[in-house]
Amino acid sequence: MKPPLSTLAALALCLVPAVQGEARTPAAPTVTTESGQVEGVAQASGGQVFMGIPYAAPPVRDLRWKAPRPAAAWTGVFHADRFGPQCIQPLRNAQANQYGGAEVTSEDCLYLNVWTRPGLRKAPVIVYIHGGAFFIGSSAMPIYGGEAVASQGAVFVNFNYRLGALGFLAHPELSAESPQKVSGDYAFLDQIAALQWVRRNIAKFGGDPDNVTIAGQSAGSMSVQVLQASPLANGLFKHAFAMSGAAAGGPSPTPPLAQAEQEGVKLQTVLHARSLAELRAMPADRIVVPRTADGPKIGPVQDGYVLPESIEKTFQRGRQNDVPLVVGFTHDESFGGLGPVKDLPDYLAKARARFGDRAPEFLALYPASDDAAARDAARAADRDATMAAGMGHWADLAVANGKSKVYSYEFARPHSYAPGAKFSDLDPATAGAYHTSEVPFWLGTLDSFNIYRTTRAWTPADHAFSTEMTRSLVAFARTGNPDTTAMSWRPYTSNAPVLLGLNQVARIMPWPERRKLEFFRSLGQAQAVGAVRD
């Protein structure tokens, strides 16, 4: 706990006379939580932010690879004036597109942040889950800030959760010691613990604990789907907003517990640990999963507890948390697939290599007659094969097996780059509406890209469009309907799906053709969406 000001120092500050005409610094806001009093920061915009509040005990030493425990109470004042450390992960270089400043990492990382405004009462609450493929990312990244959302009348919360092997290691010995005889999904248990903290405490910050929207992008979006399917999250949220990531029908499988445990044993071998005790004693920064084709596959698990069964079966049996849902993706995102193509011959060769006897069927769906058309077709196919297919499958499952409305979007507005901006992981000339590019528009964090160096040259139109997207997000959080005067949505229907296209303007557009999505789904295990019986 950061030490409070002494009584004498505080009194001295109170006695300093204000200079006539000088702007007074707003008093630091204070809130009493279940663990003790927290003092936040008054923002120049009129908002308030409380950073680095512990929502669970540090998952260290004997608590490594265990469900999160309650945070300890404190006496005095906890100074919530800086972000907590991010969870153990690889660090980014300063030329990365989403570089967020110097990174402080620790295994002691289960902290959350709250943005609010004075006078809010029973305001809608948005709990945002960061992305990062379940091995990087943090709530402290400026792109995930909540000041703009709070300015629209919602309370915004984000948080850290365990990542990589520390968040997802399944292992026979861990399962044996667990009361539920499971292991692996510690990160999702962290997320549920954060939602439970919100349920118990958010009213003190002006939020309505009965009107919580969970939202997330990429791995955060996959987390939203897991939480929608998990019985452990029942009653913790009222709406769900998912940006580019599905755990069911997406690019990343969720293996059953027995298979995941064997991957955990494989990691133990890679790390040269002779026992679980040695793994627990190992420095946290050494517990890194090799990101190689033959390395251990550590990630979300169908563990039998957080996920008692497959996500598809949970939906088909009508056991999901049936809440209003928004799903969406960006125009130019993709994972794997054909990858970048140089020209038409390269496109045709890659299609034949990837699809074999079914290449003619693929090329009939994604025809190309010149180099430019080939590059566009490859990009569209890779998007449809991963994100569009997965998000469409989620929408189909929700509509077929629930009563709540589902809405959808495609974000296709490229960023406005500063002249000469260069990145280690992105080419502005070809990036288009890349994976994650919609997040700063939804959250109103466009300027986060210019904090450490100028990489964007946002226009007034960009800022105006972002403001309208933020209003739509808050409208959805308030009522379960994202309609605003500027953005008119239509509910998703499986027979003739449409989405809200977000480009230079917002307009209703058709989804990618269903026959294209079905082609990619047919390459793997058939994915049913209708109801099933036990």
Protein backbone atom coordinates (compact mmCIF):
# COMPACT_ATOMS: atom_id res chain seq x y z
CA MET A 1 0.00 0.00 0.00
CA LYS A 2 1.30 3.41 -0.90
CA PRO A 3 1.74 5.43 2.30
CA PRO A 4 -0.78 8.24 2.95
CA LEU A 5 0.21 11.81 3.56
CA SER A 6 0.91 12.49 7.21
CA THR A 7 -1.65 14.56 9.08
CA LEU A 8 0.84 17.43 9.47
CA ALA A 9 1.71 17.47 5.77
CA ALA A 10 -1.94 17.37 4.81
CA LEU A 11 -2.71 20.26 7.17
CA ALA A 12 0.17 22.27 5.72
CA LEU A 13 -1.20 21.81 2.23
CA CYS A 14 -4.61 23.01 3.39
CA LEU A 15 -3.09 26.20 4.86
CA VAL A 16 -1.27 27.30 1.69
CA PRO A 17 -3.25 30.32 0.37
CA ALA A 18 -4.45 30.20 -3.23
CA VAL A 19 -3.09 32.87 -5.56
CA GLN A 20 -5.89 35.13 -6.80
CA GLY A 21 -7.04 33.98 -10.21
CA GLU A 22 -5.07 30.74 -10.00
CA ALA A 23 -7.01 27.60 -10.91
CA ARG A 24 -7.54 25.36 -7.92
CA THR A 25 -6.46 21.75 -8.27
CA PRO A 26 -9.52 19.54 -7.73
CA ALA A 27 -9.43 17.54 -4.52
CA ALA A 28 -8.42 13.92 -4.96
CA PRO A 29 -11.56 11.74 -4.95
CA THR A 30 -11.92 9.08 -2.27
CA VAL A 31 -14.08 5.97 -2.17
CA THR A 32 -14.45 3.32 0.51
CA THR A 33 -14.32 -0.20 -0.93
CA GLU A 34 -14.79 -3.52 0.84
CA SER A 35 -11.02 -3.64 1.47
CA GLY A 36 -10.54 -0.05 2.62
CA GLN A 37 -10.40 3.55 1.47
CA VAL A 38 -8.92 4.40 -1.92
CA GLU A 39 -7.85 7.82 -3.15
CA GLY A 40 -7.86 8.39 -6.89
CA VAL A 41 -6.93 11.19 -9.28
CA ALA A 42 -9.10 14.10 -10.40
CA GLN A 43 -8.65 14.56 -14.16
CA ALA A 44 -8.53 17.88 -15.98
CA SER A 45 -11.53 16.75 -18.07
CA GLY A 46 -13.65 16.57 -14.92
CA GLY A 47 -13.44 12.81 -14.64
CA GLN A 48 -11.94 10.67 -11.92
CA VAL A 49 -9.69 7.64 -12.20
CA PHE A 50 -8.69 5.09 -9.57
CA MET A 51 -5.72 3.00 -10.70
CA GLY A 52 -4.09 -0.16 -9.44
CA ILE A 53 -6.76 -1.34 -7.01
CA PRO A 54 -6.11 -4.96 -5.96
CA TYR A 55 -9.10 -7.17 -6.76
CA ALA A 56 -7.44 -10.41 -5.62
CA ALA A 57 -4.46 -11.52 -3.59
CA PRO A 58 -1.11 -11.71 -5.42
CA PRO A 59 -0.99 -15.14 -7.16
CA VAL A 60 2.56 -15.85 -6.04
CA ARG A 61 4.48 -18.65 -4.28
CA ASP A 62 1.94 -21.27 -3.11
CA LEU A 63 -0.87 -19.36 -4.88
CA ARG A 64 0.77 -19.76 -8.30
CA TRP A 65 -1.65 -21.87 -10.41
CA LYS A 66 -4.49 -21.61 -7.96
CA ALA A 67 -7.83 -19.87 -8.17
CA PRO A 68 -7.60 -16.20 -7.11
CA ARG A 69 -8.03 -15.50 -3.40
CA PRO A 70 -9.61 -12.34 -1.92
CA ALA A 71 -7.46 -9.25 -1.64
CA ALA A 72 -6.35 -8.38 1.89
CA ALA A 73 -7.97 -5.43 3.62
CA TRP A 74 -5.89 -2.40 4.61
CA THR A 75 -6.02 0.45 7.09
CA GLY A 76 -5.40 4.05 6.12
CA VAL A 77 -5.70 5.26 2.54
CA PHE A 78 -4.64 3.31 -0.54
CA HIS A 79 -3.31 5.79 -3.10
CA ALA A 80 -4.77 4.59 -6.40
CA ASP A 81 -2.75 7.07 -8.45
CA ARG A 82 -0.75 4.76 -10.71
CA PHE A 83 -1.32 1.56 -12.62
CA GLY A 84 -0.36 -1.75 -11.06
CA PRO A 85 2.31 -3.84 -12.77
CA GLN A 86 1.28 -5.85 -15.79
CA CYS A 87 1.36 -9.64 -15.65
CA ILE A 88 4.52 -11.48 -16.70
CA GLN A 89 4.93 -11.32 -20.49
CA PRO A 90 7.37 -10.48 -23.29
CA LEU A 91 7.97 -6.74 -23.62
CA ARG A 92 7.36 -4.61 -26.70
CA ASN A 93 9.94 -2.54 -28.54
CA ALA A 94 9.55 1.23 -28.78
CA GLN A 95 8.81 1.06 -32.53
CA ALA A 96 5.79 -1.22 -32.14
CA ASN A 97 2.47 0.19 -33.29
CA GLN A 98 0.84 -0.11 -29.88
CA TYR A 99 3.85 0.75 -27.75
CA GLY A 100 2.54 2.02 -24.42
CA GLY A 101 5.63 3.25 -22.63
CA ALA A 102 7.99 1.59 -20.19
CA GLU A 103 6.51 -1.67 -18.90
CA VAL A 104 6.66 -2.81 -15.29
CA THR A 105 5.91 -6.52 -15.01
CA SER A 106 5.32 -8.75 -12.02
CA GLU A 107 3.64 -11.97 -11.04
CA ASP A 108 1.87 -9.76 -8.48
CA CYS A 109 -0.44 -8.22 -11.10
CA LEU A 110 -4.12 -8.69 -10.24
CA TYR A 111 -5.15 -5.04 -10.22
CA LEU A 112 -7.99 -3.09 -11.79
CA ASN A 113 -8.74 0.51 -12.73
CA VAL A 114 -11.96 2.51 -12.56
CA TRP A 115 -12.87 5.63 -14.53
CA THR A 116 -15.93 7.56 -13.41
CA ARG A 117 -17.29 11.10 -12.99
CA PRO A 118 -18.61 13.07 -10.00
CA GLY A 119 -22.33 12.76 -9.53
CA LEU A 120 -22.88 9.48 -11.36
CA ARG A 121 -25.46 7.23 -9.74
CA LYS A 122 -26.53 3.82 -11.03
CA ALA A 123 -24.64 4.50 -14.25
CA PRO A 124 -24.10 1.66 -16.74
CA VAL A 125 -20.81 -0.15 -16.18
CA ILE A 126 -18.46 -1.36 -18.93
CA VAL A 127 -15.87 -3.92 -17.87
CA TYR A 128 -13.24 -4.17 -20.60
CA ILE A 129 -11.00 -7.23 -21.06
CA HIS A 130 -7.75 -6.50 -22.89
CA GLY A 131 -6.46 -8.53 -25.81
CA GLY A 132 -3.03 -9.92 -26.59
CA ALA A 133 -3.43 -13.60 -27.60
CA PHE A 134 -3.51 -14.57 -23.90
CA PHE A 135 0.25 -14.00 -23.56
CA ILE A 136 0.71 -10.20 -23.72
CA GLY A 137 -1.35 -7.11 -22.92
CA SER A 138 -2.28 -4.99 -19.94
CA SER A 139 -5.00 -2.71 -18.62
CA ALA A 140 -2.39 0.07 -18.36
CA MET A 141 -1.97 0.36 -22.12
CA PRO A 142 -3.24 3.82 -23.12
CA ILE A 143 -5.41 2.41 -25.93
CA TYR A 144 -7.58 0.74 -23.26
CA GLY A 145 -8.19 3.86 -21.16
CA GLY A 146 -11.70 4.77 -20.01
CA GLU A 147 -11.74 8.57 -19.72
CA ALA A 148 -13.77 9.14 -22.90
CA VAL A 149 -16.26 6.41 -22.03
CA ALA A 150 -16.76 7.90 -18.57
CA SER A 151 -17.35 11.32 -20.15
CA GLN A 152 -20.37 9.76 -21.90
CA GLY A 153 -21.92 8.75 -18.58
CA ALA A 154 -20.71 5.18 -18.02
CA VAL A 155 -18.36 3.80 -15.38
CA PHE A 156 -15.45 2.05 -17.09
CA VAL A 157 -13.38 -0.73 -15.52
CA ASN A 158 -10.44 -2.66 -16.91
CA PHE A 159 -8.06 -5.09 -15.24
CA ASN A 160 -5.08 -7.40 -15.58
CA TYR A 161 -5.38 -11.17 -15.63
CA ARG A 162 -2.71 -13.88 -15.64
CA LEU A 163 -1.20 -14.66 -19.04
CA GLY A 164 0.72 -17.41 -20.79
CA ALA A 165 1.65 -20.46 -18.76
CA LEU A 166 0.99 -18.64 -15.49
CA GLY A 167 -2.60 -18.12 -16.60
CA PHE A 168 -3.31 -21.35 -18.45
CA LEU A 169 -1.04 -24.22 -17.40
CA ALA A 170 -2.98 -27.48 -17.14
CA HIS A 171 -1.12 -30.33 -15.48
CA PRO A 172 -2.13 -33.65 -13.88
CA GLU A 173 -0.61 -32.66 -10.53
CA LEU A 174 -2.42 -29.33 -10.55
CA SER A 175 -5.70 -31.07 -11.31
CA ALA A 176 -5.08 -33.58 -8.52
CA GLU A 177 -4.64 -30.86 -5.90
CA SER A 178 -7.64 -28.79 -7.08
CA PRO A 179 -10.94 -29.15 -5.16
CA GLN A 180 -12.66 -29.42 -8.55
CA LYS A 181 -9.96 -31.77 -9.94
CA VAL A 182 -9.27 -29.39 -12.84
CA SER A 183 -6.53 -27.03 -13.91
CA GLY A 184 -5.70 -24.55 -16.66
CA ASP A 185 -8.18 -21.68 -16.80
CA TYR A 186 -6.72 -19.49 -14.05
CA ALA A 187 -6.95 -16.41 -16.28
CA PHE A 188 -10.70 -16.86 -16.66
CA LEU A 189 -11.04 -17.35 -12.90
CA ASP A 190 -9.21 -14.01 -12.53
CA GLN A 191 -11.72 -12.40 -14.89
CA ILE A 192 -14.62 -13.82 -12.90
CA ALA A 193 -13.02 -12.56 -9.67
CA ALA A 194 -12.76 -9.08 -11.21
CA LEU A 195 -16.45 -9.20 -12.16
CA GLN A 196 -17.34 -10.30 -8.64
CA TRP A 197 -15.34 -7.36 -7.26
CA VAL A 198 -17.30 -5.06 -9.58
CA ARG A 199 -20.54 -6.60 -8.38
CA ARG A 200 -19.65 -5.88 -4.74
CA ASN A 201 -17.99 -2.47 -5.08
CA ILE A 202 -18.94 -0.56 -8.21
CA ALA A 203 -21.92 1.23 -6.66
CA LYS A 204 -19.44 3.22 -4.57
CA PHE A 205 -18.00 4.60 -7.83
CA GLY A 206 -21.42 5.56 -9.23
CA GLY A 207 -22.03 2.38 -11.21
CA ASP A 208 -25.02 0.06 -11.29
CA PRO A 209 -23.97 -3.50 -10.32
CA ASP A 210 -27.12 -4.78 -12.01
CA ASN A 211 -26.20 -3.20 -15.36
CA VAL A 212 -22.73 -4.45 -16.29
CA THR A 213 -21.56 -4.91 -19.88
CA ILE A 214 -18.51 -7.07 -20.52
CA ALA A 215 -16.49 -6.06 -23.55
CA GLY A 216 -13.20 -7.12 -25.07
CA GLN A 217 -11.12 -7.40 -28.20
CA SER A 218 -9.15 -10.35 -29.62
CA ALA A 219 -8.29 -12.55 -26.61
CA GLY A 220 -10.58 -10.25 -24.62
CA SER A 221 -13.38 -11.02 -27.07
CA MET A 222 -12.70 -14.74 -26.75
CA SER A 223 -12.92 -14.22 -23.00
CA VAL A 224 -16.32 -12.59 -23.41
CA GLN A 225 -17.55 -15.73 -25.17
CA VAL A 226 -16.08 -17.98 -22.49
CA LEU A 227 -17.80 -15.90 -19.80
CA GLN A 228 -21.06 -16.08 -21.73
CA ALA A 229 -20.74 -19.88 -21.71
CA SER A 230 -19.48 -20.32 -18.14
CA PRO A 231 -21.92 -21.05 -15.31
CA LEU A 232 -19.45 -19.39 -12.93
CA ALA A 233 -20.26 -16.01 -14.53
CA ASN A 234 -24.04 -16.31 -14.19
CA GLY A 235 -25.57 -13.02 -13.06
CA LEU A 236 -22.35 -11.02 -13.28
CA PHE A 237 -23.19 -9.13 -16.49
CA LYS A 238 -26.21 -7.99 -18.46
CA HIS A 239 -24.77 -7.33 -21.95
CA ALA A 240 -21.75 -8.48 -23.97
CA PHE A 241 -19.71 -6.64 -26.64
CA ALA A 242 -17.18 -8.71 -28.59
CA MET A 243 -14.55 -7.32 -30.96
CA SER A 244 -12.68 -9.75 -33.23
CA GLY A 245 -12.24 -13.00 -31.38
CA ALA A 246 -14.28 -16.18 -30.87
CA ALA A 247 -13.23 -19.11 -28.70
CA ALA A 248 -15.68 -21.38 -30.56
CA GLY A 249 -15.34 -21.61 -34.32
CA GLY A 250 -12.40 -19.22 -34.36
CA PRO A 251 -8.74 -19.74 -35.24
CA SER A 252 -7.68 -21.13 -31.83
CA PRO A 253 -9.02 -24.47 -30.52
CA THR A 254 -10.01 -25.06 -26.89
CA PRO A 255 -8.80 -28.58 -26.04
CA PRO A 256 -10.30 -30.85 -23.36
CA LEU A 257 -8.56 -31.10 -20.00
CA ALA A 258 -6.74 -34.40 -20.58
CA GLN A 259 -5.14 -33.12 -23.77
CA ALA A 260 -4.20 -29.79 -22.17
CA GLU A 261 -2.63 -31.61 -19.20
CA GLN A 262 -0.28 -33.44 -21.56
CA GLU A 263 0.78 -30.13 -23.08
CA GLY A 264 1.52 -28.95 -19.54
CA VAL A 265 3.72 -31.99 -18.93
CA LYS A 266 5.49 -31.15 -22.18
CA LEU A 267 6.18 -27.63 -20.91
CA GLN A 268 7.52 -29.03 -17.64
CA THR A 269 10.01 -31.05 -19.68
CA VAL A 270 10.99 -28.02 -21.74
CA LEU A 271 11.63 -26.06 -18.53
CA HIS A 272 13.70 -28.91 -17.02
CA ALA A 273 11.57 -29.03 -13.88
CA ARG A 274 11.41 -32.37 -12.06
CA SER A 275 8.22 -31.64 -10.14
CA LEU A 276 5.35 -29.24 -9.60
CA ALA A 277 7.23 -27.91 -6.55
CA GLU A 278 10.15 -26.97 -8.78
CA LEU A 279 7.79 -25.25 -11.22
CA ARG A 280 6.28 -23.23 -8.38
CA ALA A 281 9.73 -22.22 -7.13
CA MET A 282 10.98 -21.20 -10.57
CA PRO A 283 11.36 -17.45 -11.27
CA ALA A 284 8.23 -16.25 -13.03
CA ASP A 285 10.10 -14.77 -15.98
CA ARG A 286 11.54 -18.19 -16.82
CA ILE A 287 8.11 -19.78 -17.25
CA VAL A 288 7.80 -18.90 -20.91
CA VAL A 289 6.08 -21.02 -23.55
CA PRO A 290 8.27 -21.41 -26.65
CA ARG A 291 6.28 -19.97 -29.56
CA THR A 292 7.36 -22.60 -32.05
CA ALA A 293 5.39 -25.02 -34.20
CA ASP A 294 6.41 -28.01 -32.08
CA GLY A 295 6.28 -26.20 -28.71
CA PRO A 296 3.74 -26.90 -25.95
CA LYS A 297 0.27 -25.59 -26.74
CA ILE A 298 -0.74 -23.63 -23.62
CA GLY A 299 -4.01 -21.68 -23.68
CA PRO A 300 -7.71 -21.81 -22.81
CA VAL A 301 -8.98 -25.23 -21.75
CA GLN A 302 -12.34 -26.97 -21.73
CA ASP A 303 -11.60 -27.84 -18.14
CA GLY A 304 -14.94 -29.16 -16.88
CA TYR A 305 -15.35 -26.32 -14.37
CA VAL A 306 -15.07 -22.88 -16.00
CA LEU A 307 -16.24 -24.60 -19.19
CA PRO A 308 -18.13 -27.78 -18.20
CA GLU A 309 -18.57 -28.69 -21.87
CA SER A 310 -17.79 -27.23 -25.27
CA ILE A 311 -19.03 -23.70 -25.87
CA GLU A 312 -21.14 -24.93 -28.79
CA LYS A 313 -22.90 -27.50 -26.61
CA THR A 314 -23.55 -24.92 -23.89
CA PHE A 315 -25.29 -22.68 -26.42
CA GLN A 316 -27.11 -25.55 -28.13
CA ARG A 317 -28.54 -26.61 -24.77
CA GLY A 318 -29.62 -23.06 -23.98
CA ARG A 319 -27.36 -22.89 -20.92
CA GLN A 320 -25.41 -19.79 -21.95
CA ASN A 321 -25.76 -16.41 -20.27
CA ASP A 322 -28.42 -15.20 -22.70
CA VAL A 323 -27.80 -11.46 -22.91
CA PRO A 324 -27.91 -8.82 -25.67
CA LEU A 325 -24.76 -9.21 -27.72
CA VAL A 326 -22.68 -7.22 -30.22
CA VAL A 327 -20.13 -9.10 -32.33
CA GLY A 328 -17.82 -7.55 -34.90
CA PHE A 329 -14.58 -7.73 -36.85
CA THR A 330 -12.38 -5.50 -38.97
CA HIS A 331 -12.14 -5.46 -42.74
CA ASP A 332 -8.47 -6.37 -43.08
CA GLU A 333 -7.62 -8.66 -40.17
CA SER A 334 -6.50 -12.24 -40.66
CA PHE A 335 -4.59 -15.00 -38.93
CA GLY A 336 -2.71 -17.53 -41.01
CA GLY A 337 -4.45 -18.64 -44.17
CA LEU A 338 -2.86 -17.72 -47.47
CA GLY A 339 -0.97 -14.79 -46.00
CA PRO A 340 0.29 -11.91 -48.14
CA VAL A 341 0.44 -12.66 -51.88
CA LYS A 342 2.73 -10.94 -54.38
CA ASP A 343 0.70 -11.35 -57.56
CA LEU A 344 -1.89 -13.48 -59.33
CA PRO A 345 0.39 -16.52 -59.96
CA ASP A 346 1.40 -16.48 -56.28
CA TYR A 347 -2.26 -16.37 -55.25
CA LEU A 348 -3.20 -19.31 -57.48
CA ALA A 349 -0.23 -21.36 -56.30
CA LYS A 350 -0.98 -20.73 -52.62
CA ALA A 351 -4.67 -21.56 -53.12
CA ARG A 352 -3.79 -24.90 -54.74
CA ALA A 353 -1.24 -25.71 -52.04
CA ARG A 354 -3.62 -24.91 -49.21
CA PHE A 355 -6.90 -26.31 -50.52
CA GLY A 356 -5.74 -29.12 -52.79
CA ASP A 357 -8.68 -30.75 -54.58
CA ARG A 358 -10.98 -28.03 -53.27
CA ALA A 359 -8.94 -25.18 -54.75
CA PRO A 360 -11.34 -24.77 -57.73
CA GLU A 361 -14.21 -24.34 -55.25
CA PHE A 362 -12.20 -21.77 -53.31
CA LEU A 363 -11.21 -19.85 -56.44
CA ALA A 364 -14.82 -19.74 -57.58
CA LEU A 365 -15.71 -18.08 -54.27
CA TYR A 366 -12.71 -15.70 -54.36
CA PRO A 367 -11.95 -15.12 -58.05
CA ALA A 368 -9.14 -12.87 -59.23
CA SER A 369 -8.03 -11.85 -62.71
CA ASP A 370 -5.08 -9.55 -61.95
CA ASP A 371 -2.47 -8.93 -59.28
CA ALA A 372 -4.45 -6.30 -57.36
CA ALA A 373 -7.58 -8.45 -57.32
CA ALA A 374 -5.52 -11.42 -56.14
CA ARG A 375 -4.14 -9.48 -53.17
CA ASP A 376 -7.64 -8.27 -52.24
CA ALA A 377 -9.12 -11.76 -52.58
CA ALA A 378 -6.41 -13.31 -50.40
CA ARG A 379 -6.96 -10.74 -47.68
CA ALA A 380 -10.76 -11.17 -47.77
CA ALA A 381 -10.43 -14.96 -47.68
CA ASP A 382 -8.09 -14.89 -44.70
CA ARG A 383 -10.46 -12.56 -42.82
CA ASP A 384 -13.49 -14.72 -43.64
CA ALA A 385 -11.71 -17.95 -42.74
CA THR A 386 -10.83 -16.75 -39.25
CA MET A 387 -12.61 -13.73 -37.81
CA ALA A 388 -15.77 -13.46 -39.91
CA ALA A 389 -16.49 -17.20 -39.73
CA GLY A 390 -15.91 -17.31 -35.98
CA MET A 391 -17.94 -14.22 -35.16
CA GLY A 392 -20.72 -15.29 -37.51
CA HIS A 393 -20.84 -18.70 -35.86
CA TRP A 394 -21.15 -17.02 -32.45
CA ALA A 395 -24.01 -14.84 -33.71
CA ASP A 396 -25.75 -17.89 -35.20
CA LEU A 397 -25.41 -19.83 -31.94
CA ALA A 398 -26.80 -16.91 -29.92
CA VAL A 399 -29.77 -16.29 -32.23
CA ALA A 400 -30.67 -19.97 -32.62
CA ASN A 401 -30.53 -20.77 -28.92
CA GLY A 402 -31.41 -17.55 -27.09
CA LYS A 403 -34.03 -14.83 -26.87
CA SER A 404 -31.76 -11.77 -26.66
CA LYS A 405 -30.99 -9.62 -29.68
CA VAL A 406 -27.64 -9.79 -31.44
CA TYR A 407 -26.04 -6.93 -33.40
CA SER A 408 -22.94 -6.96 -35.58
CA TYR A 409 -20.46 -4.64 -37.26
CA GLU A 410 -17.49 -4.53 -39.62
CA PHE A 411 -14.93 -1.81 -39.01
CA ALA A 412 -13.31 -0.71 -42.28
CA ARG A 413 -11.95 2.77 -41.55
CA PRO A 414 -8.15 2.96 -41.98
CA HIS A 415 -6.19 5.02 -39.49
CA SER A 416 -4.85 8.44 -40.47
CA TYR A 417 -1.07 8.12 -40.18
CA ALA A 418 1.45 10.89 -39.61
CA PRO A 419 3.82 11.46 -42.55
CA GLY A 420 6.81 9.15 -42.32
CA ALA A 421 5.43 7.04 -39.46
CA LYS A 422 7.15 3.65 -39.36
CA PHE A 423 6.58 0.61 -37.17
CA SER A 424 8.30 -2.67 -36.48
CA ASP A 425 5.05 -4.65 -36.78
CA LEU A 426 2.81 -2.76 -39.23
CA ASP A 427 3.06 -1.14 -42.67
CA PRO A 428 0.75 1.88 -42.87
CA ALA A 429 0.56 1.55 -46.65
CA THR A 430 -1.01 -1.90 -46.51
CA ALA A 431 -2.46 -2.21 -42.99
CA GLY A 432 -5.99 -1.12 -43.82
CA ALA A 433 -8.43 -1.71 -40.97
CA TYR A 434 -6.11 -4.07 -39.11
CA HIS A 435 -6.79 -6.29 -36.10
CA THR A 436 -7.45 -4.02 -33.08
CA SER A 437 -7.79 -0.87 -35.19
CA GLU A 438 -11.39 -0.32 -34.07
CA VAL A 439 -10.59 -0.28 -30.33
CA PRO A 440 -9.40 3.37 -30.11
CA PHE A 441 -12.55 4.44 -31.95
CA TRP A 442 -14.89 2.56 -29.61
CA LEU A 443 -13.07 3.72 -26.47
CA GLY A 444 -12.22 7.26 -27.62
CA THR A 445 -8.48 6.72 -27.22
CA LEU A 446 -7.24 7.92 -30.61
CA ASP A 447 -4.65 10.20 -29.01
CA SER A 448 -3.00 7.25 -27.25
CA PHE A 449 -0.99 6.68 -30.43
CA ASN A 450 0.74 10.05 -30.08
CA ILE A 451 1.82 9.96 -26.44
CA TYR A 452 5.39 8.75 -26.95
CA ARG A 453 5.91 9.73 -30.59
CA THR A 454 3.64 11.15 -33.26
CA THR A 455 2.32 8.27 -35.36
CA ARG A 456 -1.17 9.46 -36.27
CA ALA A 457 -2.51 12.60 -37.93
CA TRP A 458 -6.11 12.28 -36.83
CA THR A 459 -8.61 14.51 -38.59
CA PRO A 460 -11.62 16.24 -37.05
CA ALA A 461 -13.71 13.65 -38.90
CA ASP A 462 -11.81 10.83 -37.17
CA HIS A 463 -12.46 12.35 -33.75
CA ALA A 464 -16.13 12.95 -34.57
CA PHE A 465 -16.58 9.38 -35.79
CA SER A 466 -14.90 8.01 -32.67
CA THR A 467 -17.21 10.09 -30.47
CA GLU A 468 -20.24 8.61 -32.22
CA MET A 469 -18.89 5.07 -31.83
CA THR A 470 -18.29 5.67 -28.12
CA ARG A 471 -21.85 6.96 -27.76
CA SER A 472 -23.13 3.81 -29.44
CA LEU A 473 -21.10 1.61 -27.08
CA VAL A 474 -22.45 3.47 -24.04
CA ALA A 475 -26.01 3.31 -25.41
CA PHE A 476 -25.65 -0.46 -25.66
CA ALA A 477 -24.29 -0.61 -22.12
CA ARG A 478 -27.23 1.44 -20.90
CA THR A 479 -30.09 -0.40 -22.63
CA GLY A 480 -28.82 -3.40 -24.62
CA ASN A 481 -29.53 -1.51 -27.85
CA PRO A 482 -26.63 0.31 -29.58
CA ASP A 483 -28.84 2.67 -31.60
CA THR A 484 -28.06 6.38 -31.47
CA THR A 485 -29.18 9.30 -33.61
CA ALA A 486 -26.01 8.90 -35.70
CA MET A 487 -25.77 5.10 -35.80
CA SER A 488 -28.79 2.96 -36.60
CA TRP A 489 -28.26 -0.79 -36.20
CA ARG A 490 -30.35 -3.79 -37.25
CA PRO A 491 -30.52 -7.03 -35.28
CA TYR A 492 -28.69 -10.04 -36.70
CA THR A 493 -30.75 -12.73 -38.39
CA SER A 494 -29.23 -15.97 -39.64
CA ASN A 495 -31.27 -16.18 -42.85
CA ALA A 496 -30.30 -12.73 -44.18
CA PRO A 497 -27.62 -11.26 -41.88
CA VAL A 498 -26.66 -7.62 -42.12
CA LEU A 499 -24.14 -5.63 -40.15
CA LEU A 500 -23.28 -2.01 -39.48
CA GLY A 501 -20.39 -1.04 -41.73
CA LEU A 502 -18.12 1.49 -40.03
CA ASN A 503 -15.98 3.31 -42.57
CA GLN A 504 -16.19 6.98 -43.56
CA VAL A 505 -19.86 6.74 -42.60
CA ALA A 506 -21.94 4.17 -40.75
CA ARG A 507 -24.32 2.23 -42.95
CA ILE A 508 -26.08 -1.12 -43.06
CA MET A 509 -24.30 -3.70 -45.22
CA PRO A 510 -24.60 -7.44 -45.87
CA TRP A 511 -22.36 -9.91 -44.09
CA PRO A 512 -19.72 -11.79 -46.11
CA GLU A 513 -21.58 -14.37 -48.15
CA ARG A 514 -22.68 -17.33 -46.08
CA ARG A 515 -21.49 -19.79 -48.74
CA LYS A 516 -17.95 -18.42 -48.23
CA LEU A 517 -18.11 -18.85 -44.48
CA GLU A 518 -19.60 -22.33 -44.85
CA PHE A 519 -16.76 -23.32 -47.16
CA PHE A 520 -14.21 -22.60 -44.44
CA ARG A 521 -16.32 -24.24 -41.76
CA SER A 522 -16.61 -27.35 -43.90
CA LEU A 523 -12.83 -27.75 -43.92
CA GLY A 524 -12.92 -28.63 -40.22
CA GLN A 525 -15.43 -30.35 -38.02
CA ALA A 526 -19.00 -29.44 -38.91
CA GLN A 527 -20.32 -26.80 -36.55
CA ALA A 528 -23.97 -27.17 -35.63
CA VAL A 529 -25.85 -24.20 -34.22
CA GLY A 530 -29.32 -25.58 -33.45
CA ALA A 531 -30.60 -26.83 -30.10
CA VAL A 532 -29.64 -30.27 -28.81
CA ARG A 533 -31.00 -32.36 -25.98
CA ASP A 534 -29.13 -34.09 -23.18
